[in-house]
Protein backbone atom coordinates (compact mmCIF):
# COMPACT_ATOMS: atom_id res chain seq x y z
CA UNK A 1 31.54 -80.05 242.11
CA UNK A 2 34.44 -81.48 240.16
CA UNK A 3 37.87 -79.94 240.53
CA UNK A 4 38.10 -79.10 236.83
CA UNK A 5 34.90 -77.03 236.58
CA UNK A 6 36.46 -74.28 234.44
CA UNK A 7 38.04 -76.90 232.18
CA UNK A 8 34.70 -78.70 231.73
CA UNK A 9 33.05 -75.37 230.84
CA UNK A 10 35.77 -74.57 228.26
CA UNK A 11 35.66 -78.02 226.65
CA UNK A 12 31.85 -77.92 226.40
CA UNK A 13 31.88 -74.40 224.92
CA UNK A 14 34.61 -75.35 222.44
CA UNK A 15 32.72 -78.45 221.31
CA UNK A 16 29.54 -76.41 220.90
CA UNK A 17 31.40 -73.81 218.84
CA UNK A 18 33.43 -76.29 216.78
CA UNK A 19 30.34 -78.27 215.82
CA UNK A 20 28.07 -75.23 215.41
CA UNK A 21 25.59 -76.55 217.96
CA UNK A 22 22.71 -74.31 219.08
CA UNK A 23 20.24 -74.69 221.94
CA UNK A 24 18.57 -77.09 222.26
CA UNK A 25 21.81 -78.96 221.75
CA UNK A 26 21.47 -81.85 219.33
CA UNK A 27 23.35 -84.59 221.18
CA UNK A 28 23.17 -86.91 218.17
CA UNK A 29 24.96 -84.28 216.07
CA UNK A 30 27.50 -83.79 218.86
CA UNK A 31 28.23 -87.51 218.97
CA UNK A 32 28.43 -87.71 215.17
CA UNK A 33 30.75 -84.70 215.10
CA UNK A 34 33.12 -86.68 217.31
CA UNK A 35 32.76 -89.78 215.11
CA UNK A 36 30.84 -91.56 217.86
CA UNK A 37 27.95 -93.82 216.92
CA UNK A 38 24.78 -93.54 218.96
CA UNK A 39 22.77 -96.72 219.48
CA UNK A 40 19.45 -96.68 221.30
CA UNK A 41 18.74 -99.96 223.06
CA UNK A 42 15.32 -100.94 224.35
CA UNK A 43 16.56 -102.47 227.56
CA UNK A 44 19.71 -101.57 229.41
CA UNK A 45 20.55 -101.71 233.08
CA UNK A 46 22.43 -98.42 232.76
CA UNK A 47 21.18 -95.08 231.42
CA UNK A 48 24.01 -95.05 228.87
CA UNK A 49 27.40 -96.57 228.20
CA UNK A 50 30.44 -95.47 226.22
CA UNK A 51 32.14 -98.36 224.42
CA UNK A 52 35.41 -96.68 223.54
CA UNK A 53 36.85 -99.45 221.37
CA UNK A 54 33.65 -99.40 219.29
CA UNK A 55 33.42 -95.58 219.38
CA UNK A 56 29.77 -96.11 220.32
CA UNK A 57 27.44 -94.67 222.93
CA UNK A 58 24.64 -97.03 223.90
CA UNK A 59 21.66 -95.26 225.45
CA UNK A 60 18.62 -96.65 227.24
CA UNK A 61 15.67 -96.06 224.92
CA UNK A 62 13.13 -96.53 227.70
CA UNK A 63 14.34 -93.45 229.59
CA UNK A 64 12.53 -90.11 229.10
CA UNK A 65 13.90 -87.90 226.30
CA UNK A 66 15.45 -85.32 228.63
CA UNK A 67 17.20 -88.09 230.56
CA UNK A 68 18.50 -89.71 227.35
CA UNK A 69 19.88 -86.36 226.18
CA UNK A 70 21.71 -85.82 229.47
CA UNK A 71 23.03 -89.39 229.47
CA UNK A 72 24.42 -89.03 225.95
CA UNK A 73 26.00 -85.67 226.85
CA UNK A 74 27.47 -87.33 229.98
CA UNK A 75 29.07 -90.11 227.88
CA UNK A 76 30.37 -87.52 225.42
CA UNK A 77 31.92 -85.87 228.46
CA UNK A 78 33.78 -89.05 229.37
CA UNK A 79 35.04 -89.20 225.78
CA UNK A 80 36.23 -85.59 225.38
CA UNK A 81 37.65 -85.42 228.91
CA UNK A 82 39.68 -88.58 228.14
CA UNK A 83 38.31 -90.50 231.11
CA UNK A 84 38.16 -93.81 229.29
CA UNK A 85 41.70 -93.50 227.95
CA UNK A 86 42.89 -92.58 231.45
CA UNK A 87 41.11 -95.64 232.82
CA UNK A 88 42.80 -97.87 230.25
CA UNK A 89 46.20 -96.26 230.84
CA UNK A 90 46.11 -96.77 234.58
CA UNK A 91 43.57 -99.53 234.99
CA UNK A 92 45.23 -101.04 238.05
CA UNK A 93 45.50 -97.66 239.77
CA UNK A 94 41.82 -96.75 239.38
CA UNK A 95 40.22 -96.03 242.72
CA UNK A 96 36.63 -95.54 243.72
CA UNK A 97 37.34 -91.87 244.44
CA UNK A 98 38.91 -91.44 241.00
CA UNK A 99 35.82 -92.91 239.38
CA UNK A 100 33.59 -90.54 241.39
CA UNK A 101 35.63 -87.57 240.17
CA UNK A 102 35.18 -88.70 236.57
CA UNK A 103 31.43 -89.11 237.07
CA UNK A 104 31.15 -85.64 238.61
CA UNK A 105 33.15 -84.14 235.75
CA UNK A 106 31.06 -85.92 233.11
CA UNK A 107 27.88 -84.66 234.80
CA UNK A 108 29.23 -81.12 234.95
CA UNK A 109 30.31 -81.31 231.30
CA UNK A 110 26.86 -82.58 230.27
CA UNK A 111 25.21 -79.67 232.07
CA UNK A 112 27.61 -77.18 230.50
CA UNK A 113 27.02 -78.63 227.02
CA UNK A 114 23.23 -78.80 227.25
CA UNK A 115 22.83 -75.51 229.13
CA UNK A 116 25.63 -73.20 227.95
CA UNK A 117 26.63 -70.73 230.65
CA UNK A 118 26.43 -67.58 228.54
CA UNK A 119 23.02 -68.36 227.07
CA UNK A 120 21.50 -69.66 230.30
CA UNK A 121 22.74 -66.61 232.21
CA UNK A 122 21.27 -64.29 229.57
CA UNK A 123 17.95 -66.17 229.66
CA UNK A 124 17.76 -65.86 233.45
CA UNK A 125 18.60 -62.16 233.32
CA UNK A 126 15.92 -61.71 230.65
CA UNK A 127 13.42 -63.17 233.11
CA UNK A 128 12.76 -66.57 231.57
CA UNK A 129 10.97 -68.71 234.12
CA UNK A 130 11.79 -72.23 235.15
CA UNK A 131 9.24 -73.91 232.87
CA UNK A 132 10.37 -71.85 229.87
CA UNK A 133 13.96 -72.88 230.54
CA UNK A 134 12.95 -76.54 230.81
CA UNK A 135 11.26 -76.32 227.42
CA UNK A 136 14.09 -74.42 225.77
CA UNK A 137 16.96 -76.63 226.97
CA UNK A 138 15.04 -79.95 227.10
CA UNK A 139 16.52 -81.04 230.41
CA UNK A 140 15.08 -82.41 233.64
CA UNK A 141 14.07 -80.25 236.60
CA UNK A 142 16.92 -81.76 238.58
CA UNK A 143 19.54 -80.99 235.91
CA UNK A 144 18.29 -77.40 235.48
CA UNK A 145 18.16 -76.80 239.23
CA UNK A 146 21.71 -78.07 239.72
CA UNK A 147 23.02 -76.02 236.78
CA UNK A 148 21.30 -72.83 237.97
CA UNK A 149 22.64 -73.43 241.46
CA UNK A 150 26.19 -74.06 240.22
CA UNK A 151 26.05 -70.81 238.23
CA UNK A 152 24.49 -68.99 241.20
CA UNK A 153 21.43 -68.13 239.14
CA UNK A 154 18.78 -69.48 241.51
């Protein structure tokens, strides 16, 4: 898990509140609320890409919907956590381990945005099963499993 777990949770919750986002989180509205354009491309080698200078997130249109949603949330994470600005500010100092930290943080942020801690915890305590959670949050099995594990809800 990334070192700034609590920070990622706070930033995701703040964004959700500031933009009035409800589950299932509308990632297009989240991007628009940050003045980021979302462009779906038919063929991309990556799942998604944040082009900071263009303020655009490019997403692979051939990926399944739940994967596209997570990928967009991940790129939003890079944006709101200032990863791209940090990379530009210290381009020559970037290390492989630094990049891995940013990727882990963006993944954690995406999970926190798409599956808000308070609501997911309440749903689990109310007895919602795995399939019901998958339908409600529109995420992959892998993403839900990791999030439930991180929150110690498995």
